[in-house]
């Protein structure tokens, strides 16, 4: 018991930090490691910095063009791999149970801030950190098709899988406009696209979520004014920094509008636009799913009562 209390009370590295460390240690490149982990570089760098602070040791030597391991970093590789291997074996054993459910969550939404979903996840005692929290809806659906996930919470329905995947509606997430405070329309409580049509819209590639992209494009095509679009940066913080400088605006799920910066604000859309520009969240499972545990989880997530 004394050992357990000692471990619990100490500030120890997290599994995510060790995974990030090993990815950088193997790639010796923060960019390639971030791609391998399906994340952007800033959060990866923060995980490494936090790990170094916990250990009070530098793990990497970094220059403009080179990343190399320190002696401490090389020693940690063996220990980190052993820890993660043992956890992986434990996970495999636990997943052998009929009641174990593998759930994925789209990275486009923060489910902890979507009250209906978070309430139901808490009822199921499921954390959004479980399994695959950092994938697009398209990637999550591929995981279901490959049988590496049992259920996924996606933004909109996927296209072309109706004969394989069953969707049930969970709830609707509103979009907010991220815009520069220097823009005259920022003084309004609710804004329209026409209010900011002098600015370009930061927009994403269709491949990330074809259904949501097409849903929005249908509405955009009916506008009576031109809507200029520019490519959305891979890092959302970079995009929001550009917006704060007056270089454009973005439409973002309300649960993702948590970053605050001078010059940046978030505004609700006017009623006709908010009814069309939103994200419908679905719980997706395989069409031939028969396991009662999986079906019960889907029922809880889709139950509005």
C-alpha atoms as a PDB file:
ATOM      1  CA  UNK A   1       0.000   0.000   0.000  1.00  0.00           C
ATOM      2  CA  UNK A   2       2.859   2.369   0.815  1.00  0.00           C
ATOM      3  CA  UNK A   3       4.313   1.917  -2.672  1.00  0.00           C
ATOM      4  CA  UNK A   4       0.923   2.539  -4.299  1.00  0.00           C
ATOM      5  CA  UNK A   5       0.441   5.752  -2.318  1.00  0.00           C
ATOM      6  CA  UNK A   6       3.933   6.899  -3.300  1.00  0.00           C
ATOM      7  CA  UNK A   7       3.255   6.332  -7.008  1.00  0.00           C
ATOM      8  CA  UNK A   8      -0.145   8.008  -6.893  1.00  0.00           C
ATOM      9  CA  UNK A   9       1.125  11.084  -5.081  1.00  0.00           C
ATOM     10  CA  UNK A  10       4.100  11.643  -7.407  1.00  0.00           C
ATOM     11  CA  UNK A  11       4.002  13.612 -10.661  1.00  0.00           C
ATOM     12  CA  UNK A  12       4.800  10.896 -13.213  1.00  0.00           C
ATOM     13  CA  UNK A  13       4.899  10.964 -17.029  1.00  0.00           C
ATOM     14  CA  UNK A  14       1.655  10.176 -18.839  1.00  0.00           C
ATOM     15  CA  UNK A  15       1.239   7.501 -21.503  1.00  0.00           C
ATOM     16  CA  UNK A  16       0.673  10.220 -24.111  1.00  0.00           C
ATOM     17  CA  UNK A  17       3.946  11.908 -23.172  1.00  0.00           C
ATOM     18  CA  UNK A  18       5.848   8.627 -23.512  1.00  0.00           C
ATOM     19  CA  UNK A  19       4.217   7.934 -26.888  1.00  0.00           C
ATOM     20  CA  UNK A  20       5.187  11.396 -28.116  1.00  0.00           C
ATOM     21  CA  UNK A  21       8.724  10.921 -26.826  1.00  0.00           C
ATOM     22  CA  UNK A  22       9.153   7.583 -28.619  1.00  0.00           C
ATOM     23  CA  UNK A  23       7.767   8.973 -31.867  1.00  0.00           C
ATOM     24  CA  UNK A  24      10.306  11.828 -31.847  1.00  0.00           C
ATOM     25  CA  UNK A  25      13.094   9.476 -30.693  1.00  0.00           C
ATOM     26  CA  UNK A  26      12.422   7.099 -33.600  1.00  0.00           C
ATOM     27  CA  UNK A  27      11.946   9.787 -36.255  1.00  0.00           C
ATOM     28  CA  UNK A  28      14.439  12.371 -34.914  1.00  0.00           C
ATOM     29  CA  UNK A  29      12.079  14.901 -36.459  1.00  0.00           C
ATOM     30  CA  UNK A  30       9.219  16.718 -34.742  1.00  0.00           C
ATOM     31  CA  UNK A  31       7.419  17.154 -38.079  1.00  0.00           C
ATOM     32  CA  UNK A  32       7.547  13.465 -39.008  1.00  0.00           C
ATOM     33  CA  UNK A  33       6.705  12.419 -35.453  1.00  0.00           C
ATOM     34  CA  UNK A  34       3.627  14.687 -35.472  1.00  0.00           C
ATOM     35  CA  UNK A  35       2.484  13.169 -38.776  1.00  0.00           C
ATOM     36  CA  UNK A  36       2.996   9.675 -37.376  1.00  0.00           C
ATOM     37  CA  UNK A  37       0.817  10.527 -34.377  1.00  0.00           C
ATOM     38  CA  UNK A  38      -1.815  12.329 -36.510  1.00  0.00           C
ATOM     39  CA  UNK A  39      -1.301  15.559 -34.600  1.00  0.00           C
ATOM     40  CA  UNK A  40       0.219  18.976 -35.204  1.00  0.00           C
ATOM     41  CA  UNK A  41       3.674  20.041 -34.029  1.00  0.00           C
ATOM     42  CA  UNK A  42       2.741  22.575 -31.282  1.00  0.00           C
ATOM     43  CA  UNK A  43       0.901  20.056 -29.027  1.00  0.00           C
ATOM     44  CA  UNK A  44       3.647  17.495 -29.664  1.00  0.00           C
ATOM     45  CA  UNK A  45       6.289  20.006 -28.582  1.00  0.00           C
ATOM     46  CA  UNK A  46       4.247  20.818 -25.450  1.00  0.00           C
ATOM     47  CA  UNK A  47       4.066  17.123 -24.533  1.00  0.00           C
ATOM     48  CA  UNK A  48       7.868  16.779 -24.835  1.00  0.00           C
ATOM     49  CA  UNK A  49       8.487  19.967 -22.833  1.00  0.00           C
ATOM     50  CA  UNK A  50       6.142  18.763 -20.097  1.00  0.00           C
ATOM     51  CA  UNK A  51       7.885  15.377 -19.988  1.00  0.00           C
ATOM     52  CA  UNK A  52      11.292  17.068 -19.697  1.00  0.00           C
ATOM     53  CA  UNK A  53       9.957  19.263 -16.886  1.00  0.00           C
ATOM     54  CA  UNK A  54       8.623  16.242 -14.993  1.00  0.00           C
ATOM     55  CA  UNK A  55      11.911  14.350 -15.374  1.00  0.00           C
ATOM     56  CA  UNK A  56      13.976  17.517 -14.884  1.00  0.00           C
ATOM     57  CA  UNK A  57      16.164  16.308 -17.735  1.00  0.00           C
ATOM     58  CA  UNK A  58      16.679  17.340 -21.353  1.00  0.00           C
ATOM     59  CA  UNK A  59      15.766  14.470 -23.679  1.00  0.00           C
ATOM     60  CA  UNK A  60      16.684  15.978 -27.044  1.00  0.00           C
ATOM     61  CA  UNK A  61      19.343  18.309 -28.363  1.00  0.00           C
ATOM     62  CA  UNK A  62      17.724  20.576 -30.942  1.00  0.00           C
ATOM     63  CA  UNK A  63      19.168  22.869 -33.553  1.00  0.00           C
ATOM     64  CA  UNK A  64      17.535  24.540 -36.544  1.00  0.00           C
ATOM     65  CA  UNK A  65      18.256  21.537 -38.766  1.00  0.00           C
ATOM     66  CA  UNK A  66      18.888  18.646 -36.402  1.00  0.00           C
ATOM     67  CA  UNK A  67      17.281  16.694 -33.552  1.00  0.00           C
ATOM     68  CA  UNK A  68      19.338  14.202 -31.542  1.00  0.00           C
ATOM     69  CA  UNK A  69      18.903  12.239 -28.319  1.00  0.00           C
ATOM     70  CA  UNK A  70      20.735  13.131 -25.134  1.00  0.00           C
ATOM     71  CA  UNK A  71      22.153  10.366 -22.942  1.00  0.00           C
ATOM     72  CA  UNK A  72      19.040  10.621 -20.772  1.00  0.00           C
ATOM     73  CA  UNK A  73      16.854  10.365 -23.859  1.00  0.00           C
ATOM     74  CA  UNK A  74      18.606   7.210 -25.035  1.00  0.00           C
ATOM     75  CA  UNK A  75      18.189   5.635 -21.602  1.00  0.00           C
ATOM     76  CA  UNK A  76      14.495   6.536 -21.508  1.00  0.00           C
ATOM     77  CA  UNK A  77      13.777   4.743 -24.815  1.00  0.00           C
ATOM     78  CA  UNK A  78      14.238   1.309 -23.238  1.00  0.00           C
ATOM     79  CA  UNK A  79      12.131   2.134 -20.177  1.00  0.00           C
ATOM     80  CA  UNK A  80       9.364   3.850 -22.185  1.00  0.00           C
ATOM     81  CA  UNK A  81       9.101   0.971 -24.659  1.00  0.00           C
ATOM     82  CA  UNK A  82       8.851  -1.524 -21.793  1.00  0.00           C
ATOM     83  CA  UNK A  83       6.107   0.482 -20.043  1.00  0.00           C
ATOM     84  CA  UNK A  84       4.043   0.904 -23.213  1.00  0.00           C
ATOM     85  CA  UNK A  85       4.536  -2.738 -24.219  1.00  0.00           C
ATOM     86  CA  UNK A  86       3.221  -3.919 -20.863  1.00  0.00           C
ATOM     87  CA  UNK A  87       0.247  -1.559 -21.123  1.00  0.00           C
ATOM     88  CA  UNK A  88      -0.425  -2.801 -24.648  1.00  0.00           C
ATOM     89  CA  UNK A  89      -0.463  -6.405 -23.452  1.00  0.00           C
ATOM     90  CA  UNK A  90      -2.838  -5.458 -20.645  1.00  0.00           C
ATOM     91  CA  UNK A  91      -5.070  -3.676 -23.177  1.00  0.00           C
ATOM     92  CA  UNK A  92      -5.169  -6.753 -25.423  1.00  0.00           C
ATOM     93  CA  UNK A  93      -6.215  -8.890 -22.465  1.00  0.00           C
ATOM     94  CA  UNK A  94      -8.971  -6.456 -21.496  1.00  0.00           C
ATOM     95  CA  UNK A  95     -10.254  -6.181 -25.079  1.00  0.00           C
ATOM     96  CA  UNK A  96     -10.718  -9.928 -25.223  1.00  0.00           C
ATOM     97  CA  UNK A  97     -13.757  -9.419 -23.019  1.00  0.00           C
ATOM     98  CA  UNK A  98     -17.114  -9.369 -24.814  1.00  0.00           C
ATOM     99  CA  UNK A  99     -18.068  -6.196 -22.908  1.00  0.00           C
ATOM    100  CA  UNK A 100     -15.054  -4.141 -24.035  1.00  0.00           C
ATOM    101  CA  UNK A 101     -16.051  -1.410 -26.463  1.00  0.00           C
ATOM    102  CA  UNK A 102     -13.528   0.380 -28.693  1.00  0.00           C
ATOM    103  CA  UNK A 103     -14.760   3.932 -29.308  1.00  0.00           C
ATOM    104  CA  UNK A 104     -13.284   6.656 -31.501  1.00  0.00           C
ATOM    105  CA  UNK A 105     -13.979  10.402 -31.396  1.00  0.00           C
ATOM    106  CA  UNK A 106     -13.551  12.866 -34.241  1.00  0.00           C
ATOM    107  CA  UNK A 107     -10.868  15.461 -33.581  1.00  0.00           C
ATOM    108  CA  UNK A 108     -13.078  18.145 -35.137  1.00  0.00           C
ATOM    109  CA  UNK A 109     -15.133  18.396 -31.934  1.00  0.00           C
ATOM    110  CA  UNK A 110     -14.448  18.667 -28.215  1.00  0.00           C
ATOM    111  CA  UNK A 111     -17.038  16.329 -26.743  1.00  0.00           C
ATOM    112  CA  UNK A 112     -16.240  17.356 -23.184  1.00  0.00           C
ATOM    113  CA  UNK A 113     -17.799  20.743 -24.030  1.00  0.00           C
ATOM    114  CA  UNK A 114     -20.854  19.327 -25.825  1.00  0.00           C
ATOM    115  CA  UNK A 115     -23.131  18.887 -22.829  1.00  0.00           C
ATOM    116  CA  UNK A 116     -25.555  16.237 -24.188  1.00  0.00           C
ATOM    117  CA  UNK A 117     -22.724  13.993 -25.368  1.00  0.00           C
ATOM    118  CA  UNK A 118     -20.505  14.541 -22.336  1.00  0.00           C
ATOM    119  CA  UNK A 119     -23.391  13.703 -20.005  1.00  0.00           C
ATOM    120  CA  UNK A 120     -24.004  10.413 -21.806  1.00  0.00           C
ATOM    121  CA  UNK A 121     -20.284   9.573 -21.950  1.00  0.00           C
ATOM    122  CA  UNK A 122     -20.051  10.142 -18.202  1.00  0.00           C
ATOM    123  CA  UNK A 123     -23.023   7.846 -17.731  1.00  0.00           C
ATOM    124  CA  UNK A 124     -21.109   5.186 -19.661  1.00  0.00           C
ATOM    125  CA  UNK A 125     -17.892   6.028 -17.790  1.00  0.00           C
ATOM    126  CA  UNK A 126     -16.080   6.575 -21.118  1.00  0.00           C
ATOM    127  CA  UNK A 127     -13.348   9.181 -21.582  1.00  0.00           C
ATOM    128  CA  UNK A 128     -12.773  11.009 -24.864  1.00  0.00           C
ATOM    129  CA  UNK A 129      -9.060  10.229 -24.376  1.00  0.00           C
ATOM    130  CA  UNK A 130      -9.798   6.573 -25.059  1.00  0.00           C
ATOM    131  CA  UNK A 131      -8.678   4.808 -28.221  1.00  0.00           C
ATOM    132  CA  UNK A 132      -8.414   7.282 -31.124  1.00  0.00           C
ATOM    133  CA  UNK A 133      -9.191  10.847 -30.035  1.00  0.00           C
ATOM    134  CA  UNK A 134      -7.240  12.566 -32.787  1.00  0.00           C
ATOM    135  CA  UNK A 135      -8.640  11.349 -36.107  1.00  0.00           C
ATOM    136  CA  UNK A 136     -10.945  12.769 -38.747  1.00  0.00           C
ATOM    137  CA  UNK A 137     -14.423  11.347 -39.280  1.00  0.00           C
ATOM    138  CA  UNK A 138     -13.213   9.703 -42.496  1.00  0.00           C
ATOM    139  CA  UNK A 139     -10.358   7.978 -40.651  1.00  0.00           C
ATOM    140  CA  UNK A 140     -12.698   6.806 -37.893  1.00  0.00           C
ATOM    141  CA  UNK A 141     -15.059   5.224 -40.412  1.00  0.00           C
ATOM    142  CA  UNK A 142     -12.111   3.399 -41.972  1.00  0.00           C
ATOM    143  CA  UNK A 143     -11.282   2.038 -38.500  1.00  0.00           C
ATOM    144  CA  UNK A 144     -14.824   0.691 -38.181  1.00  0.00           C
ATOM    145  CA  UNK A 145     -14.567  -0.915 -41.623  1.00  0.00           C
ATOM    146  CA  UNK A 146     -11.265  -2.549 -40.598  1.00  0.00           C
ATOM    147  CA  UNK A 147     -12.808  -3.704 -37.306  1.00  0.00           C
ATOM    148  CA  UNK A 148     -10.293  -1.773 -35.185  1.00  0.00           C
ATOM    149  CA  UNK A 149     -13.135   0.291 -33.686  1.00  0.00           C
ATOM    150  CA  UNK A 150     -16.611  -0.768 -32.586  1.00  0.00           C
ATOM    151  CA  UNK A 151     -18.242   2.677 -32.532  1.00  0.00           C
ATOM    152  CA  UNK A 152     -17.298   6.177 -33.647  1.00  0.00           C
ATOM    153  CA  UNK A 153     -18.749   9.605 -32.937  1.00  0.00           C
ATOM    154  CA  UNK A 154     -18.475  11.437 -36.250  1.00  0.00           C
ATOM    155  CA  UNK A 155     -19.344  14.853 -37.618  1.00  0.00           C
ATOM    156  CA  UNK A 156     -22.035  14.109 -40.245  1.00  0.00           C
ATOM    157  CA  UNK A 157     -22.651  10.783 -41.983  1.00  0.00           C
ATOM    158  CA  UNK A 158     -19.963   9.328 -44.206  1.00  0.00           C
ATOM    159  CA  UNK A 159     -20.638   8.798 -47.920  1.00  0.00           C
ATOM    160  CA  UNK A 160     -20.653   5.426 -49.629  1.00  0.00           C
ATOM    161  CA  UNK A 161     -20.813   3.101 -46.625  1.00  0.00           C
ATOM    162  CA  UNK A 162     -24.577   2.820 -46.120  1.00  0.00           C
ATOM    163  CA  UNK A 163     -24.465  -0.939 -46.840  1.00  0.00           C
ATOM    164  CA  UNK A 164     -21.800  -1.497 -44.175  1.00  0.00           C
ATOM    165  CA  UNK A 165     -22.226   1.167 -41.485  1.00  0.00           C
ATOM    166  CA  UNK A 166     -25.308   2.112 -39.470  1.00  0.00           C
ATOM    167  CA  UNK A 167     -25.669   5.732 -38.329  1.00  0.00           C
ATOM    168  CA  UNK A 168     -27.824   7.083 -35.534  1.00  0.00           C
ATOM    169  CA  UNK A 169     -28.181  10.803 -34.843  1.00  0.00           C
ATOM    170  CA  UNK A 170     -26.812  11.984 -31.483  1.00  0.00           C
ATOM    171  CA  UNK A 171     -27.162  15.771 -31.413  1.00  0.00           C
ATOM    172  CA  UNK A 172     -26.353  18.970 -33.310  1.00  0.00           C
ATOM    173  CA  UNK A 173     -23.342  21.218 -32.714  1.00  0.00           C
ATOM    174  CA  UNK A 174     -23.647  24.873 -33.699  1.00  0.00           C
ATOM    175  CA  UNK A 175     -20.961  26.696 -35.658  1.00  0.00           C
ATOM    176  CA  UNK A 176     -19.577  30.011 -34.459  1.00  0.00           C
ATOM    177  CA  UNK A 177     -17.711  32.578 -36.486  1.00  0.00           C
ATOM    178  CA  UNK A 178     -14.122  33.229 -35.434  1.00  0.00           C
ATOM    179  CA  UNK A 179     -13.429  36.786 -36.580  1.00  0.00           C
ATOM    180  CA  UNK A 180     -11.128  39.758 -35.940  1.00  0.00           C
ATOM    181  CA  UNK A 181     -12.275  42.218 -33.300  1.00  0.00           C
ATOM    182  CA  UNK A 182     -11.069  45.040 -35.566  1.00  0.00           C
ATOM    183  CA  UNK A 183     -13.862  44.221 -38.041  1.00  0.00           C
ATOM    184  CA  UNK A 184     -16.942  46.506 -37.721  1.00  0.00           C
ATOM    185  CA  UNK A 185     -19.306  43.499 -37.557  1.00  0.00           C
ATOM    186  CA  UNK A 186     -17.653  42.256 -34.357  1.00  0.00           C
ATOM    187  CA  UNK A 187     -19.813  44.625 -32.293  1.00  0.00           C
ATOM    188  CA  UNK A 188     -22.890  42.597 -33.252  1.00  0.00           C
ATOM    189  CA  UNK A 189     -24.167  39.796 -31.042  1.00  0.00           C
ATOM    190  CA  UNK A 190     -24.971  37.697 -34.113  1.00  0.00           C
ATOM    191  CA  UNK A 191     -23.338  38.081 -37.515  1.00  0.00           C
ATOM    192  CA  UNK A 192     -24.006  36.914 -41.057  1.00  0.00           C
ATOM    193  CA  UNK A 193     -21.650  35.818 -43.808  1.00  0.00           C
ATOM    194  CA  UNK A 194     -22.593  38.945 -45.726  1.00  0.00           C
ATOM    195  CA  UNK A 195     -21.322  41.056 -42.811  1.00  0.00           C
ATOM    196  CA  UNK A 196     -17.797  39.691 -43.369  1.00  0.00           C
ATOM    197  CA  UNK A 197     -17.796  38.993 -47.118  1.00  0.00           C
ATOM    198  CA  UNK A 198     -14.937  41.480 -47.463  1.00  0.00           C
ATOM    199  CA  UNK A 199     -12.753  38.903 -45.651  1.00  0.00           C
ATOM    200  CA  UNK A 200     -11.700  35.474 -46.965  1.00  0.00           C
ATOM    201  CA  UNK A 201     -13.046  32.343 -45.281  1.00  0.00           C
ATOM    202  CA  UNK A 202     -10.425  29.896 -44.039  1.00  0.00           C
ATOM    203  CA  UNK A 203     -11.738  26.578 -45.376  1.00  0.00           C
ATOM    204  CA  UNK A 204     -10.668  22.936 -45.236  1.00  0.00           C
ATOM    205  CA  UNK A 205     -10.066  20.255 -47.874  1.00  0.00           C
ATOM    206  CA  UNK A 206     -13.108  18.176 -48.849  1.00  0.00           C
ATOM    207  CA  UNK A 207     -11.212  14.945 -48.169  1.00  0.00           C
ATOM    208  CA  UNK A 208     -11.208  15.657 -44.400  1.00  0.00           C
ATOM    209  CA  UNK A 209     -15.013  15.355 -44.171  1.00  0.00           C
ATOM    210  CA  UNK A 210     -16.828  15.177 -47.547  1.00  0.00           C
ATOM    211  CA  UNK A 211     -20.333  15.119 -46.036  1.00  0.00           C
ATOM    212  CA  UNK A 212     -19.866  18.245 -43.912  1.00  0.00           C
ATOM    213  CA  UNK A 213     -18.015  20.001 -46.745  1.00  0.00           C
ATOM    214  CA  UNK A 214     -20.821  19.304 -49.227  1.00  0.00           C
ATOM    215  CA  UNK A 215     -23.483  20.334 -46.705  1.00  0.00           C
ATOM    216  CA  UNK A 216     -21.859  23.740 -46.324  1.00  0.00           C
ATOM    217  CA  UNK A 217     -21.149  24.150 -50.032  1.00  0.00           C
ATOM    218  CA  UNK A 218     -24.833  23.681 -50.841  1.00  0.00           C
ATOM    219  CA  UNK A 219     -25.575  26.684 -48.640  1.00  0.00           C
ATOM    220  CA  UNK A 220     -22.626  28.741 -49.930  1.00  0.00           C
ATOM    221  CA  UNK A 221     -23.783  28.267 -53.538  1.00  0.00           C
ATOM    222  CA  UNK A 222     -27.111  29.942 -52.724  1.00  0.00           C
ATOM    223  CA  UNK A 223     -25.524  33.127 -51.392  1.00  0.00           C
ATOM    224  CA  UNK A 224     -26.135  36.276 -53.408  1.00  0.00           C
ATOM    225  CA  UNK A 225     -22.643  37.625 -52.814  1.00  0.00           C
ATOM    226  CA  UNK A 226     -19.169  36.214 -53.503  1.00  0.00           C
ATOM    227  CA  UNK A 227     -17.484  34.258 -50.729  1.00  0.00           C
ATOM    228  CA  UNK A 228     -13.739  34.136 -51.115  1.00  0.00           C
ATOM    229  CA  UNK A 229     -12.044  31.070 -49.598  1.00  0.00           C
ATOM    230  CA  UNK A 230      -8.420  30.419 -48.662  1.00  0.00           C
ATOM    231  CA  UNK A 231      -6.780  27.180 -47.558  1.00  0.00           C
ATOM    232  CA  UNK A 232      -7.075  26.473 -43.847  1.00  0.00           C
ATOM    233  CA  UNK A 233      -3.666  26.032 -42.156  1.00  0.00           C
ATOM    234  CA  UNK A 234      -2.946  22.576 -40.713  1.00  0.00           C
ATOM    235  CA  UNK A 235      -2.568  24.115 -37.252  1.00  0.00           C
ATOM    236  CA  UNK A 236      -5.768  25.763 -36.007  1.00  0.00           C
ATOM    237  CA  UNK A 237      -3.790  28.041 -33.665  1.00  0.00           C
ATOM    238  CA  UNK A 238      -1.933  29.449 -36.663  1.00  0.00           C
ATOM    239  CA  UNK A 239      -5.276  30.088 -38.375  1.00  0.00           C
ATOM    240  CA  UNK A 240      -6.704  31.856 -35.321  1.00  0.00           C
ATOM    241  CA  UNK A 241      -3.586  34.012 -35.091  1.00  0.00           C
ATOM    242  CA  UNK A 242      -4.105  35.049 -38.727  1.00  0.00           C
ATOM    243  CA  UNK A 243      -7.728  35.877 -37.947  1.00  0.00           C
ATOM    244  CA  UNK A 244      -6.699  38.007 -34.975  1.00  0.00           C
ATOM    245  CA  UNK A 245      -4.527  39.995 -37.387  1.00  0.00           C
ATOM    246  CA  UNK A 246      -7.511  40.633 -39.675  1.00  0.00           C
ATOM    247  CA  UNK A 247      -6.530  38.193 -42.421  1.00  0.00           C
ATOM    248  CA  UNK A 248      -9.852  36.342 -42.601  1.00  0.00           C
ATOM    249  CA  UNK A 249     -12.532  34.506 -40.633  1.00  0.00           C
ATOM    250  CA  UNK A 250     -13.499  30.902 -39.945  1.00  0.00           C
ATOM    251  CA  UNK A 251     -16.569  28.833 -39.101  1.00  0.00           C
ATOM    252  CA  UNK A 252     -15.818  26.560 -36.161  1.00  0.00           C
ATOM    253  CA  UNK A 253     -17.796  24.131 -33.982  1.00  0.00           C
ATOM    254  CA  UNK A 254     -18.751  25.876 -30.759  1.00  0.00           C
ATOM    255  CA  UNK A 255     -16.913  23.279 -28.646  1.00  0.00           C
ATOM    256  CA  UNK A 256     -13.628  24.144 -30.384  1.00  0.00           C
ATOM    257  CA  UNK A 257     -13.909  27.893 -29.797  1.00  0.00           C
ATOM    258  CA  UNK A 258     -11.843  27.921 -26.620  1.00  0.00           C
ATOM    259  CA  UNK A 259      -8.638  29.665 -27.716  1.00  0.00           C
ATOM    260  CA  UNK A 260      -8.480  33.314 -26.657  1.00  0.00           C
ATOM    261  CA  UNK A 261      -6.132  35.896 -28.138  1.00  0.00           C
ATOM    262  CA  UNK A 262      -6.059  39.647 -28.419  1.00  0.00           C
ATOM    263  CA  UNK A 263      -7.784  40.693 -31.633  1.00  0.00           C
ATOM    264  CA  UNK A 264      -9.868  37.487 -31.849  1.00  0.00           C
ATOM    265  CA  UNK A 265     -13.536  36.981 -30.990  1.00  0.00           C
ATOM    266  CA  UNK A 266     -16.299  34.437 -31.580  1.00  0.00           C
ATOM    267  CA  UNK A 267     -19.808  35.360 -32.664  1.00  0.00           C
ATOM    268  CA  UNK A 268     -23.010  33.375 -33.200  1.00  0.00           C
ATOM    269  CA  UNK A 269     -24.503  33.239 -36.695  1.00  0.00           C
ATOM    270  CA  UNK A 270     -27.850  34.799 -37.490  1.00  0.00           C
ATOM    271  CA  UNK A 271     -30.801  32.411 -37.310  1.00  0.00           C
ATOM    272  CA  UNK A 272     -31.233  31.407 -41.004  1.00  0.00           C
ATOM    273  CA  UNK A 273     -27.513  30.627 -41.324  1.00  0.00           C
ATOM    274  CA  UNK A 274     -27.186  28.798 -38.000  1.00  0.00           C
ATOM    275  CA  UNK A 275     -29.998  26.468 -39.086  1.00  0.00           C
ATOM    276  CA  UNK A 276     -27.991  25.415 -42.149  1.00  0.00           C
ATOM    277  CA  UNK A 277     -24.397  25.735 -40.984  1.00  0.00           C
ATOM    278  CA  UNK A 278     -23.952  23.240 -38.164  1.00  0.00           C
ATOM    279  CA  UNK A 279     -22.539  19.791 -37.466  1.00  0.00           C
ATOM    280  CA  UNK A 280     -24.830  16.817 -36.984  1.00  0.00           C
ATOM    281  CA  UNK A 281     -23.130  14.254 -34.753  1.00  0.00           C
ATOM    282  CA  UNK A 282     -23.738  10.561 -35.384  1.00  0.00           C
ATOM    283  CA  UNK A 283     -22.854   7.343 -33.563  1.00  0.00           C
ATOM    284  CA  UNK A 284     -21.651   4.927 -36.235  1.00  0.00           C
ATOM    285  CA  UNK A 285     -21.325   1.156 -35.880  1.00  0.00           C
ATOM    286  CA  UNK A 286     -21.135  -1.762 -38.316  1.00  0.00           C
ATOM    287  CA  UNK A 287     -24.485  -2.587 -39.893  1.00  0.00           C
ATOM    288  CA  UNK A 288     -24.215  -6.253 -38.919  1.00  0.00           C
ATOM    289  CA  UNK A 289     -23.218  -5.489 -35.316  1.00  0.00           C
ATOM    290  CA  UNK A 290     -24.913  -7.996 -33.006  1.00  0.00           C
ATOM    291  CA  UNK A 291     -23.058  -7.548 -29.713  1.00  0.00           C
ATOM    292  CA  UNK A 292     -25.420  -6.294 -27.052  1.00  0.00           C
ATOM    293  CA  UNK A 293     -22.699  -4.231 -25.344  1.00  0.00           C
ATOM    294  CA  UNK A 294     -22.029  -2.182 -28.500  1.00  0.00           C
ATOM    295  CA  UNK A 295     -25.725  -1.726 -29.248  1.00  0.00           C
ATOM    296  CA  UNK A 296     -26.359  -0.598 -25.673  1.00  0.00           C
ATOM    297  CA  UNK A 297     -23.620   2.053 -25.890  1.00  0.00           C
ATOM    298  CA  UNK A 298     -25.111   3.375 -29.130  1.00  0.00           C
ATOM    299  CA  UNK A 299     -28.554   3.471 -27.485  1.00  0.00           C
ATOM    300  CA  UNK A 300     -27.253   5.533 -24.554  1.00  0.00           C
ATOM    301  CA  UNK A 301     -25.403   7.980 -26.803  1.00  0.00           C
ATOM    302  CA  UNK A 302     -28.455   8.484 -29.018  1.00  0.00           C
ATOM    303  CA  UNK A 303     -31.013   8.694 -26.220  1.00  0.00           C
ATOM    304  CA  UNK A 304     -32.074  12.312 -25.708  1.00  0.00           C
ATOM    305  CA  UNK A 305     -33.965  11.478 -22.563  1.00  0.00           C
END
